[in-house]
Amino acid sequence: MSALPHEPSPQADSDLYQLEDPYQLEFAEGPQTLAELRAALEVMNPDVLTAFNARLDSARFGAEQAEVIAKARRAVAFSKRAEEEAAAALAADEAAGEPPVEDLWSHLDVRDSAS
């Protein structure tokens, strides 16, 4: 069922929210288990994994452990976002660097008409 004209669509709401807070971590974004989190931290830097394990071991059950895990999840998710944004920017730059096909044909037309 679509939104009525006076109601914003759910997609528009999520896009607006993304623009307002780029540091918001979606629930399903980032590692979902401790094993996934540890593997992602290992890829980032083995020293980061060692520090994470030490902080997690010293944290008490409950809010302290949840905060340690949340900080690590944010670090992983935001580093992946930065990698994805950099790859998208590189692809856009490469695409912008290539002349459009129309420019190629106009160049050939000018070259052929000069001869």
N, C-alpha and C. Protein backbone atom coordinates (compact mmCIF):
# COMPACT_ATOMS: atom_id res chain seq x y z
N MET A 1 0.84 -1.16 0.00
CA MET A 1 0.00 0.00 0.00
C MET A 1 0.89 1.23 0.00
N SER A 2 0.64 2.15 -0.88
CA SER A 2 1.48 3.34 -0.98
C SER A 2 0.98 4.42 -0.03
N ALA A 3 1.87 5.38 0.22
CA ALA A 3 1.53 6.48 1.11
C ALA A 3 0.58 7.44 0.40
N LEU A 4 -0.28 8.06 1.17
CA LEU A 4 -1.16 9.08 0.62
C LEU A 4 -0.33 10.30 0.25
N PRO A 5 -0.86 11.17 -0.62
CA PRO A 5 -0.07 12.32 -1.07
C PRO A 5 0.45 13.20 0.07
N HIS A 6 -0.30 13.32 1.15
CA HIS A 6 0.15 14.17 2.25
C HIS A 6 1.06 13.45 3.24
N GLU A 7 1.29 12.14 3.02
CA GLU A 7 2.17 11.36 3.89
C GLU A 7 3.50 11.09 3.17
N PRO A 8 4.60 11.30 3.85
CA PRO A 8 5.88 10.97 3.23
C PRO A 8 6.04 9.45 3.15
N SER A 9 6.74 9.01 2.14
CA SER A 9 6.96 7.58 2.00
C SER A 9 7.99 7.12 3.02
N PRO A 10 7.97 5.85 3.42
CA PRO A 10 8.97 5.35 4.37
C PRO A 10 10.39 5.51 3.83
N GLN A 11 10.57 5.36 2.53
CA GLN A 11 11.89 5.52 1.93
C GLN A 11 12.37 6.96 2.09
N ALA A 12 11.48 7.91 1.89
CA ALA A 12 11.85 9.31 2.04
C ALA A 12 12.27 9.60 3.48
N ASP A 13 11.57 8.99 4.44
CA ASP A 13 11.92 9.18 5.84
C ASP A 13 13.31 8.64 6.13
N SER A 14 13.62 7.45 5.63
CA SER A 14 14.93 6.87 5.90
C SER A 14 16.03 7.65 5.20
N ASP A 15 15.76 8.17 4.00
CA ASP A 15 16.76 8.99 3.31
C ASP A 15 17.02 10.27 4.07
N LEU A 16 15.96 10.89 4.57
CA LEU A 16 16.08 12.12 5.32
C LEU A 16 16.87 11.87 6.60
N TYR A 17 16.57 10.77 7.26
CA TYR A 17 17.26 10.45 8.50
C TYR A 17 18.74 10.20 8.24
N GLN A 18 19.05 9.55 7.13
CA GLN A 18 20.45 9.30 6.78
C GLN A 18 21.19 10.61 6.57
N LEU A 19 20.54 11.59 5.94
CA LEU A 19 21.19 12.86 5.69
C LEU A 19 21.38 13.65 6.97
N GLU A 20 20.43 13.56 7.90
CA GLU A 20 20.53 14.31 9.13
C GLU A 20 21.63 13.77 10.05
N ASP A 21 21.81 12.48 10.12
CA ASP A 21 22.78 11.89 11.02
C ASP A 21 23.61 10.84 10.30
N PRO A 22 24.71 11.24 9.66
CA PRO A 22 25.52 10.27 8.93
C PRO A 22 26.25 9.29 9.85
N TYR A 23 26.25 9.55 11.15
CA TYR A 23 26.93 8.67 12.10
C TYR A 23 26.00 7.67 12.75
N GLN A 24 24.75 7.63 12.29
CA GLN A 24 23.78 6.67 12.81
C GLN A 24 24.09 5.29 12.24
N LEU A 25 24.15 4.32 13.12
CA LEU A 25 24.41 2.94 12.72
C LEU A 25 23.09 2.20 12.69
N GLU A 26 22.74 1.65 11.53
CA GLU A 26 21.52 0.86 11.42
C GLU A 26 21.68 -0.44 12.20
N PHE A 27 20.56 -0.99 12.66
CA PHE A 27 20.59 -2.18 13.49
C PHE A 27 21.31 -3.34 12.80
N ALA A 28 21.04 -3.56 11.52
CA ALA A 28 21.61 -4.69 10.80
C ALA A 28 22.95 -4.36 10.15
N GLU A 29 23.44 -3.16 10.34
CA GLU A 29 24.70 -2.75 9.73
C GLU A 29 25.85 -3.17 10.64
N GLY A 30 26.89 -3.66 10.04
CA GLY A 30 28.04 -4.08 10.82
C GLY A 30 27.94 -5.53 11.24
N PRO A 31 28.96 -6.02 11.94
CA PRO A 31 28.98 -7.41 12.39
C PRO A 31 27.83 -7.70 13.34
N GLN A 32 27.29 -8.91 13.27
CA GLN A 32 26.14 -9.27 14.09
C GLN A 32 26.49 -10.24 15.22
N THR A 33 27.66 -10.85 15.18
CA THR A 33 28.08 -11.76 16.25
C THR A 33 29.48 -11.36 16.70
N LEU A 34 29.87 -11.86 17.87
CA LEU A 34 31.23 -11.57 18.35
C LEU A 34 32.28 -12.17 17.42
N ALA A 35 32.00 -13.33 16.86
CA ALA A 35 32.96 -13.94 15.93
C ALA A 35 33.14 -13.06 14.69
N GLU A 36 32.04 -12.54 14.14
CA GLU A 36 32.13 -11.65 12.98
C GLU A 36 32.86 -10.36 13.35
N LEU A 37 32.57 -9.85 14.53
CA LEU A 37 33.21 -8.61 14.99
C LEU A 37 34.70 -8.81 15.15
N ARG A 38 35.08 -9.91 15.77
CA ARG A 38 36.51 -10.18 15.95
C ARG A 38 37.21 -10.38 14.61
N ALA A 39 36.56 -11.06 13.68
CA ALA A 39 37.16 -11.26 12.35
C ALA A 39 37.34 -9.92 11.62
N ALA A 40 36.34 -9.05 11.72
CA ALA A 40 36.43 -7.74 11.06
C ALA A 40 37.51 -6.88 11.70
N LEU A 41 37.63 -6.93 13.03
CA LEU A 41 38.67 -6.17 13.72
C LEU A 41 40.05 -6.71 13.36
N GLU A 42 40.17 -8.00 13.19
CA GLU A 42 41.44 -8.63 12.80
C GLU A 42 41.87 -8.11 11.42
N VAL A 43 40.91 -7.99 10.52
CA VAL A 43 41.21 -7.49 9.18
C VAL A 43 41.65 -6.02 9.25
N MET A 44 40.97 -5.25 10.09
CA MET A 44 41.32 -3.83 10.23
C MET A 44 42.76 -3.69 10.74
N ASN A 45 43.03 -4.37 11.88
CA ASN A 45 44.35 -4.28 12.49
C ASN A 45 44.39 -5.27 13.65
N PRO A 46 45.36 -6.17 13.70
CA PRO A 46 45.43 -7.13 14.81
C PRO A 46 45.56 -6.46 16.18
N ASP A 47 46.21 -5.29 16.24
CA ASP A 47 46.33 -4.57 17.51
C ASP A 47 44.98 -4.07 18.00
N VAL A 48 44.11 -3.69 17.07
CA VAL A 48 42.76 -3.26 17.44
C VAL A 48 41.99 -4.43 18.04
N LEU A 49 42.16 -5.61 17.47
CA LEU A 49 41.50 -6.80 18.02
C LEU A 49 42.01 -7.10 19.42
N THR A 50 43.31 -7.01 19.63
CA THR A 50 43.88 -7.26 20.95
C THR A 50 43.33 -6.27 21.98
N ALA A 51 43.26 -5.01 21.60
CA ALA A 51 42.72 -3.98 22.51
C ALA A 51 41.24 -4.23 22.79
N PHE A 52 40.49 -4.62 21.76
CA PHE A 52 39.07 -4.92 21.95
C PHE A 52 38.88 -6.07 22.93
N ASN A 53 39.64 -7.14 22.74
CA ASN A 53 39.53 -8.30 23.63
C ASN A 53 39.86 -7.93 25.07
N ALA A 54 40.88 -7.09 25.26
CA ALA A 54 41.26 -6.66 26.61
C ALA A 54 40.14 -5.82 27.24
N ARG A 55 39.57 -4.88 26.46
CA ARG A 55 38.47 -4.05 26.99
C ARG A 55 37.25 -4.91 27.30
N LEU A 56 36.96 -5.87 26.44
CA LEU A 56 35.79 -6.73 26.65
C LEU A 56 35.99 -7.62 27.88
N ASP A 57 37.21 -8.14 28.07
CA ASP A 57 37.48 -8.98 29.23
C ASP A 57 37.39 -8.19 30.54
N SER A 58 37.78 -6.92 30.51
CA SER A 58 37.77 -6.13 31.74
C SER A 58 36.41 -5.50 32.03
N ALA A 59 35.51 -5.49 31.05
CA ALA A 59 34.18 -4.89 31.24
C ALA A 59 33.29 -5.83 32.04
N ARG A 60 32.40 -5.23 32.82
CA ARG A 60 31.42 -6.01 33.57
C ARG A 60 30.27 -6.37 32.65
N PHE A 61 29.54 -7.42 33.03
CA PHE A 61 28.37 -7.81 32.25
C PHE A 61 27.37 -6.67 32.19
N GLY A 62 26.64 -6.63 31.12
CA GLY A 62 25.58 -5.63 31.00
C GLY A 62 26.00 -4.43 30.17
N ALA A 63 25.79 -3.25 30.72
CA ALA A 63 25.98 -2.02 29.97
C ALA A 63 27.43 -1.80 29.55
N GLU A 64 28.38 -2.16 30.41
CA GLU A 64 29.79 -1.95 30.06
C GLU A 64 30.19 -2.80 28.86
N GLN A 65 29.82 -4.08 28.89
CA GLN A 65 30.14 -4.94 27.75
C GLN A 65 29.40 -4.48 26.50
N ALA A 66 28.17 -4.09 26.63
CA ALA A 66 27.39 -3.62 25.48
C ALA A 66 28.04 -2.40 24.86
N GLU A 67 28.56 -1.50 25.69
CA GLU A 67 29.20 -0.28 25.17
C GLU A 67 30.50 -0.62 24.44
N VAL A 68 31.29 -1.55 24.96
CA VAL A 68 32.54 -1.96 24.30
C VAL A 68 32.22 -2.56 22.93
N ILE A 69 31.22 -3.43 22.90
CA ILE A 69 30.83 -4.08 21.64
C ILE A 69 30.26 -3.06 20.66
N ALA A 70 29.44 -2.13 21.16
CA ALA A 70 28.83 -1.12 20.28
C ALA A 70 29.90 -0.23 19.65
N LYS A 71 30.88 0.18 20.45
CA LYS A 71 31.96 1.02 19.90
C LYS A 71 32.74 0.28 18.81
N ALA A 72 33.01 -0.98 19.05
CA ALA A 72 33.75 -1.77 18.05
C ALA A 72 32.91 -1.96 16.79
N ARG A 73 31.61 -2.21 16.95
CA ARG A 73 30.72 -2.36 15.78
C ARG A 73 30.69 -1.08 14.96
N ARG A 74 30.60 0.05 15.66
CA ARG A 74 30.59 1.33 14.93
C ARG A 74 31.89 1.55 14.17
N ALA A 75 33.00 1.22 14.80
CA ALA A 75 34.30 1.38 14.14
C ALA A 75 34.38 0.55 12.86
N VAL A 76 33.91 -0.69 12.94
CA VAL A 76 33.94 -1.56 11.76
C VAL A 76 32.98 -1.06 10.69
N ALA A 77 31.75 -0.74 11.08
CA ALA A 77 30.75 -0.31 10.10
C ALA A 77 31.15 0.98 9.43
N PHE A 78 31.68 1.94 10.19
CA PHE A 78 32.05 3.21 9.60
C PHE A 78 33.30 3.09 8.73
N SER A 79 34.20 2.18 9.07
CA SER A 79 35.37 1.98 8.20
C SER A 79 34.93 1.36 6.89
N LYS A 80 33.94 0.45 6.93
CA LYS A 80 33.43 -0.13 5.68
C LYS A 80 32.69 0.91 4.86
N ARG A 81 31.93 1.79 5.54
CA ARG A 81 31.25 2.87 4.82
C ARG A 81 32.26 3.75 4.10
N ALA A 82 33.35 4.08 4.79
CA ALA A 82 34.38 4.93 4.18
C ALA A 82 35.00 4.23 2.97
N GLU A 83 35.24 2.92 3.07
CA GLU A 83 35.79 2.17 1.94
C GLU A 83 34.81 2.16 0.77
N GLU A 84 33.53 1.95 1.06
CA GLU A 84 32.52 1.92 0.00
C GLU A 84 32.37 3.29 -0.65
N GLU A 85 32.38 4.36 0.16
CA GLU A 85 32.28 5.71 -0.39
C GLU A 85 33.50 6.04 -1.24
N ALA A 86 34.68 5.62 -0.80
CA ALA A 86 35.89 5.87 -1.58
C ALA A 86 35.84 5.11 -2.90
N ALA A 87 35.37 3.88 -2.88
CA ALA A 87 35.25 3.10 -4.12
C ALA A 87 34.23 3.73 -5.06
N ALA A 88 33.12 4.20 -4.52
CA ALA A 88 32.10 4.85 -5.35
C ALA A 88 32.65 6.15 -5.94
N ALA A 89 33.39 6.91 -5.15
CA ALA A 89 33.97 8.16 -5.64
C ALA A 89 35.00 7.88 -6.74
N LEU A 90 35.80 6.83 -6.55
CA LEU A 90 36.79 6.47 -7.56
C LEU A 90 36.11 6.05 -8.85
N ALA A 91 35.04 5.26 -8.75
CA ALA A 91 34.31 4.85 -9.94
C ALA A 91 33.68 6.05 -10.64
N ALA A 92 33.16 6.99 -9.87
CA ALA A 92 32.57 8.19 -10.47
C ALA A 92 33.65 9.03 -11.15
N ASP A 93 34.82 9.14 -10.54
CA ASP A 93 35.92 9.89 -11.15
C ASP A 93 36.39 9.24 -12.44
N GLU A 94 36.48 7.91 -12.42
CA GLU A 94 36.89 7.20 -13.63
C GLU A 94 35.87 7.37 -14.74
N ALA A 95 34.60 7.32 -14.38
CA ALA A 95 33.54 7.49 -15.38
C ALA A 95 33.53 8.92 -15.90
N ALA A 96 33.79 9.88 -15.03
CA ALA A 96 33.81 11.28 -15.46
C ALA A 96 35.02 11.57 -16.33
N GLY A 97 36.11 10.82 -16.14
CA GLY A 97 37.32 11.04 -16.92
C GLY A 97 37.21 10.56 -18.35
N GLU A 98 36.31 9.65 -18.62
CA GLU A 98 36.14 9.13 -19.97
C GLU A 98 35.22 10.07 -20.75
N PRO A 99 35.64 10.44 -21.96
CA PRO A 99 34.78 11.33 -22.74
C PRO A 99 33.52 10.60 -23.21
N PRO A 100 32.41 11.29 -23.25
CA PRO A 100 31.19 10.66 -23.75
C PRO A 100 31.34 10.26 -25.22
N VAL A 101 30.56 9.29 -25.63
CA VAL A 101 30.63 8.78 -27.00
C VAL A 101 30.34 9.91 -27.99
N GLU A 102 29.43 10.82 -27.64
CA GLU A 102 29.10 11.92 -28.55
C GLU A 102 30.33 12.77 -28.86
N ASP A 103 31.19 12.99 -27.84
CA ASP A 103 32.41 13.76 -28.08
C ASP A 103 33.34 13.05 -29.05
N LEU A 104 33.42 11.75 -28.95
CA LEU A 104 34.26 10.99 -29.87
C LEU A 104 33.76 11.15 -31.30
N TRP A 105 32.44 11.00 -31.50
CA TRP A 105 31.89 11.12 -32.85
C TRP A 105 32.07 12.54 -33.39
N SER A 106 31.88 13.54 -32.55
CA SER A 106 32.04 14.92 -33.03
C SER A 106 33.51 15.17 -33.39
N HIS A 107 34.44 14.60 -32.62
CA HIS A 107 35.84 14.74 -32.95
C HIS A 107 36.15 14.08 -34.30
N LEU A 108 35.60 12.89 -34.54
CA LEU A 108 35.84 12.22 -35.81
C LEU A 108 35.19 12.97 -36.97
N ASP A 109 34.01 13.55 -36.76
CA ASP A 109 33.35 14.32 -37.81
C ASP A 109 34.19 15.53 -38.19
N VAL A 110 34.75 16.21 -37.20
CA VAL A 110 35.57 17.39 -37.47
C VAL A 110 36.84 16.96 -38.21
N ARG A 111 37.43 15.88 -37.79
CA ARG A 111 38.64 15.41 -38.43
C ARG A 111 38.38 15.01 -39.88
N ASP A 112 37.24 14.31 -40.12
CA ASP A 112 36.93 13.88 -41.48
C ASP A 112 36.55 15.05 -42.37
N SER A 113 35.88 16.06 -41.83
CA SER A 113 35.48 17.20 -42.66
C SER A 113 36.67 18.09 -43.00
N ALA A 114 37.74 18.04 -42.22
CA ALA A 114 38.92 18.84 -42.49
C ALA A 114 39.74 18.25 -43.63
N SER A 115 39.59 16.96 -43.93
CA SER A 115 40.39 16.36 -44.98
C SER A 115 39.80 16.45 -46.33
